[in-house]
Amino acid sequence: VQLEKGSTATSFDYRPYGTELALCQRYFQTYTQPALRGTCNSTSTGARLGMNLPVVMRAAPTASLGTLVGYDGSVTNNLSSISSSYLSTTAAEFDITFASSTFTNGRPCSIIQSGSASMTLSAEL
């Protein structure tokens, strides 16, 4: 649907799929496998884990996270707490505490999906 001002219709404006997707992602993004990466700074915490966003959001988003787990290249570990430390229009970073001390200090850490969990970022009006 295209609305026009006045009584004269113009031709329909078509946008490429990628352009339309990027415009939508300015307001909402969902990840079933969030690309949160960082370094384990002790055996039970991950230093701030973060990711750059694929498009600039219209405002700093709010985050909603499902059941995710940490992975250090060797073992997985459930998260006991996660806080949105830094959310901007271009990046998302979280401070992570893991449920048990099974990680090796200094190893790279990432967050992976557990079941059908996901992470959403919303910058709705």
C-alpha atoms as a PDB file:
ATOM      1  CA  VAL A   1       0.000   0.000   0.000  1.00  0.00           C
ATOM      2  CA  GLN A   2       1.241   3.465  -0.824  1.00  0.00           C
ATOM      3  CA  LEU A   3      -0.497   6.626   0.360  1.00  0.00           C
ATOM      4  CA  GLU A   4      -0.370   9.789  -1.698  1.00  0.00           C
ATOM      5  CA  LYS A   5      -0.949  13.426  -0.860  1.00  0.00           C
ATOM      6  CA  GLY A   6      -3.447  14.973  -3.255  1.00  0.00           C
ATOM      7  CA  SER A   7      -5.548  13.339  -5.970  1.00  0.00           C
ATOM      8  CA  THR A   8      -2.792  12.212  -8.364  1.00  0.00           C
ATOM      9  CA  ALA A   9      -1.302   8.735  -7.969  1.00  0.00           C
ATOM     10  CA  THR A  10       2.369   8.134  -8.681  1.00  0.00           C
ATOM     11  CA  SER A  11       4.078   4.847  -9.523  1.00  0.00           C
ATOM     12  CA  PHE A  12       4.724   2.478  -6.633  1.00  0.00           C
ATOM     13  CA  ASP A  13       8.138   2.850  -4.942  1.00  0.00           C
ATOM     14  CA  TYR A  14       9.999  -0.472  -4.789  1.00  0.00           C
ATOM     15  CA  ARG A  15      12.932  -0.937  -2.417  1.00  0.00           C
ATOM     16  CA  PRO A  16      15.420  -3.811  -2.540  1.00  0.00           C
ATOM     17  CA  TYR A  17      14.856  -6.518   0.111  1.00  0.00           C
ATOM     18  CA  GLY A  18      18.143  -5.669   1.887  1.00  0.00           C
ATOM     19  CA  THR A  19      17.191  -2.005   2.187  1.00  0.00           C
ATOM     20  CA  GLU A  20      13.767  -2.866   3.593  1.00  0.00           C
ATOM     21  CA  LEU A  21      15.295  -5.342   6.079  1.00  0.00           C
ATOM     22  CA  ALA A  22      17.851  -2.779   7.297  1.00  0.00           C
ATOM     23  CA  LEU A  23      15.073  -0.216   7.829  1.00  0.00           C
ATOM     24  CA  CYS A  24      13.129  -2.761   9.916  1.00  0.00           C
ATOM     25  CA  GLN A  25      16.235  -3.740  11.907  1.00  0.00           C
ATOM     26  CA  ARG A  26      16.569  -0.148  13.068  1.00  0.00           C
ATOM     27  CA  TYR A  27      13.565  -0.920  15.339  1.00  0.00           C
ATOM     28  CA  PHE A  28      13.885  -4.616  16.218  1.00  0.00           C
ATOM     29  CA  GLN A  29      16.471  -7.408  15.971  1.00  0.00           C
ATOM     30  CA  THR A  30      16.228 -11.022  17.096  1.00  0.00           C
ATOM     31  CA  TYR A  31      19.014 -13.586  17.361  1.00  0.00           C
ATOM     32  CA  THR A  32      18.613 -17.325  17.904  1.00  0.00           C
ATOM     33  CA  GLN A  33      22.396 -17.612  18.132  1.00  0.00           C
ATOM     34  CA  PRO A  34      23.594 -14.218  19.479  1.00  0.00           C
ATOM     35  CA  ALA A  35      27.149 -13.350  18.478  1.00  0.00           C
ATOM     36  CA  LEU A  36      28.215 -12.368  22.003  1.00  0.00           C
ATOM     37  CA  ARG A  37      31.962 -12.831  22.404  1.00  0.00           C
ATOM     38  CA  GLY A  38      34.548 -11.965  25.050  1.00  0.00           C
ATOM     39  CA  THR A  39      37.119 -13.481  27.400  1.00  0.00           C
ATOM     40  CA  CYS A  40      36.577 -15.417  30.631  1.00  0.00           C
ATOM     41  CA  ASN A  41      38.166 -13.283  33.347  1.00  0.00           C
ATOM     42  CA  SER A  42      37.804 -15.922  36.044  1.00  0.00           C
ATOM     43  CA  THR A  43      36.395 -19.400  36.221  1.00  0.00           C
ATOM     44  CA  SER A  44      32.807 -18.252  36.814  1.00  0.00           C
ATOM     45  CA  THR A  45      32.448 -14.897  35.085  1.00  0.00           C
ATOM     46  CA  GLY A  46      32.826 -13.698  31.550  1.00  0.00           C
ATOM     47  CA  ALA A  47      34.349 -10.315  31.080  1.00  0.00           C
ATOM     48  CA  ARG A  48      31.939  -8.078  29.293  1.00  0.00           C
ATOM     49  CA  LEU A  49      30.684 -10.063  26.286  1.00  0.00           C
ATOM     50  CA  GLY A  50      29.465  -8.055  23.338  1.00  0.00           C
ATOM     51  CA  MET A  51      28.704  -7.726  19.670  1.00  0.00           C
ATOM     52  CA  ASN A  52      28.489  -5.033  17.038  1.00  0.00           C
ATOM     53  CA  LEU A  53      25.004  -4.637  15.569  1.00  0.00           C
ATOM     54  CA  PRO A  54      24.522  -5.222  11.820  1.00  0.00           C
ATOM     55  CA  VAL A  55      22.675  -1.907  11.363  1.00  0.00           C
ATOM     56  CA  VAL A  56      22.480   1.278  13.426  1.00  0.00           C
ATOM     57  CA  MET A  57      19.329   1.192  15.555  1.00  0.00           C
ATOM     58  CA  ARG A  58      17.133   4.276  15.845  1.00  0.00           C
ATOM     59  CA  ALA A  59      17.820   4.525  19.624  1.00  0.00           C
ATOM     60  CA  ALA A  60      19.634   2.552  22.322  1.00  0.00           C
ATOM     61  CA  PRO A  61      17.628  -0.688  22.517  1.00  0.00           C
ATOM     62  CA  THR A  62      16.276  -2.681  25.428  1.00  0.00           C
ATOM     63  CA  ALA A  63      17.367  -6.317  25.569  1.00  0.00           C
ATOM     64  CA  SER A  64      15.442  -9.470  26.353  1.00  0.00           C
ATOM     65  CA  LEU A  65      17.392 -12.701  26.711  1.00  0.00           C
ATOM     66  CA  GLY A  66      16.141 -16.253  26.904  1.00  0.00           C
ATOM     67  CA  THR A  67      18.011 -19.249  28.319  1.00  0.00           C
ATOM     68  CA  LEU A  68      21.519 -19.048  26.886  1.00  0.00           C
ATOM     69  CA  VAL A  69      24.719 -20.879  27.860  1.00  0.00           C
ATOM     70  CA  GLY A  70      28.396 -19.956  27.822  1.00  0.00           C
ATOM     71  CA  TYR A  71      31.061 -21.861  25.906  1.00  0.00           C
ATOM     72  CA  ASP A  72      34.842 -21.499  26.259  1.00  0.00           C
ATOM     73  CA  GLY A  73      35.904 -23.849  23.461  1.00  0.00           C
ATOM     74  CA  SER A  74      35.977 -26.841  25.785  1.00  0.00           C
ATOM     75  CA  VAL A  75      32.946 -26.875  28.089  1.00  0.00           C
ATOM     76  CA  THR A  76      29.518 -25.265  28.319  1.00  0.00           C
ATOM     77  CA  ASN A  77      28.208 -23.544  31.420  1.00  0.00           C
ATOM     78  CA  ASN A  78      24.754 -22.244  32.340  1.00  0.00           C
ATOM     79  CA  LEU A  79      24.340 -18.540  33.022  1.00  0.00           C
ATOM     80  CA  SER A  80      23.258 -17.580  36.539  1.00  0.00           C
ATOM     81  CA  SER A  81      22.921 -13.861  35.787  1.00  0.00           C
ATOM     82  CA  ILE A  82      23.299 -11.454  32.909  1.00  0.00           C
ATOM     83  CA  SER A  83      23.018  -7.677  32.928  1.00  0.00           C
ATOM     84  CA  SER A  84      22.801  -5.210  30.079  1.00  0.00           C
ATOM     85  CA  SER A  85      25.952  -3.235  30.756  1.00  0.00           C
ATOM     86  CA  TYR A  86      26.136  -1.181  27.597  1.00  0.00           C
ATOM     87  CA  LEU A  87      23.485  -0.890  24.909  1.00  0.00           C
ATOM     88  CA  SER A  88      23.956   1.681  22.186  1.00  0.00           C
ATOM     89  CA  THR A  89      22.683   2.173  18.665  1.00  0.00           C
ATOM     90  CA  THR A  90      25.712   0.274  17.314  1.00  0.00           C
ATOM     91  CA  ALA A  91      26.695  -2.305  19.978  1.00  0.00           C
ATOM     92  CA  ALA A  92      25.358  -4.527  22.755  1.00  0.00           C
ATOM     93  CA  GLU A  93      27.489  -5.631  25.715  1.00  0.00           C
ATOM     94  CA  PHE A  94      26.559  -7.734  28.742  1.00  0.00           C
ATOM     95  CA  ASP A  95      28.215  -8.694  32.038  1.00  0.00           C
ATOM     96  CA  ILE A  96      27.840 -12.445  32.566  1.00  0.00           C
ATOM     97  CA  THR A  97      28.033 -14.637  35.681  1.00  0.00           C
ATOM     98  CA  PHE A  98      28.071 -18.379  35.112  1.00  0.00           C
ATOM     99  CA  ALA A  99      26.434 -20.974  37.364  1.00  0.00           C
ATOM    100  CA  SER A 100      29.602 -22.957  38.116  1.00  0.00           C
ATOM    101  CA  SER A 101      33.377 -22.588  37.973  1.00  0.00           C
ATOM    102  CA  THR A 102      34.256 -24.785  35.004  1.00  0.00           C
ATOM    103  CA  PHE A 103      35.867 -22.264  32.638  1.00  0.00           C
ATOM    104  CA  THR A 104      39.575 -21.623  32.235  1.00  0.00           C
ATOM    105  CA  ASN A 105      40.725 -18.079  33.025  1.00  0.00           C
ATOM    106  CA  GLY A 106      41.754 -16.121  29.909  1.00  0.00           C
ATOM    107  CA  ARG A 107      40.071 -18.386  27.376  1.00  0.00           C
ATOM    108  CA  PRO A 108      37.756 -16.879  24.780  1.00  0.00           C
ATOM    109  CA  CYS A 109      34.084 -17.068  25.758  1.00  0.00           C
ATOM    110  CA  SER A 110      30.957 -17.002  23.659  1.00  0.00           C
ATOM    111  CA  ILE A 111      27.250 -17.289  24.316  1.00  0.00           C
ATOM    112  CA  ILE A 112      25.325 -19.987  22.514  1.00  0.00           C
ATOM    113  CA  GLN A 113      21.665 -20.895  22.272  1.00  0.00           C
ATOM    114  CA  SER A 114      20.064 -23.393  24.633  1.00  0.00           C
ATOM    115  CA  GLY A 115      17.022 -25.032  23.040  1.00  0.00           C
ATOM    116  CA  SER A 116      14.824 -22.421  21.379  1.00  0.00           C
ATOM    117  CA  ALA A 117      16.156 -19.462  23.403  1.00  0.00           C
ATOM    118  CA  SER A 118      16.890 -16.156  21.744  1.00  0.00           C
ATOM    119  CA  MET A 119      17.996 -12.589  22.333  1.00  0.00           C
ATOM    120  CA  THR A 120      15.934  -9.642  21.143  1.00  0.00           C
ATOM    121  CA  LEU A 121      16.831  -5.963  20.913  1.00  0.00           C
ATOM    122  CA  SER A 122      14.002  -3.469  20.642  1.00  0.00           C
ATOM    123  CA  ALA A 123      14.115   0.256  19.856  1.00  0.00           C
ATOM    124  CA  GLU A 124      10.397   0.627  19.157  1.00  0.00           C
ATOM    125  CA  LEU A 125       8.838   4.070  19.272  1.00  0.00           C
END
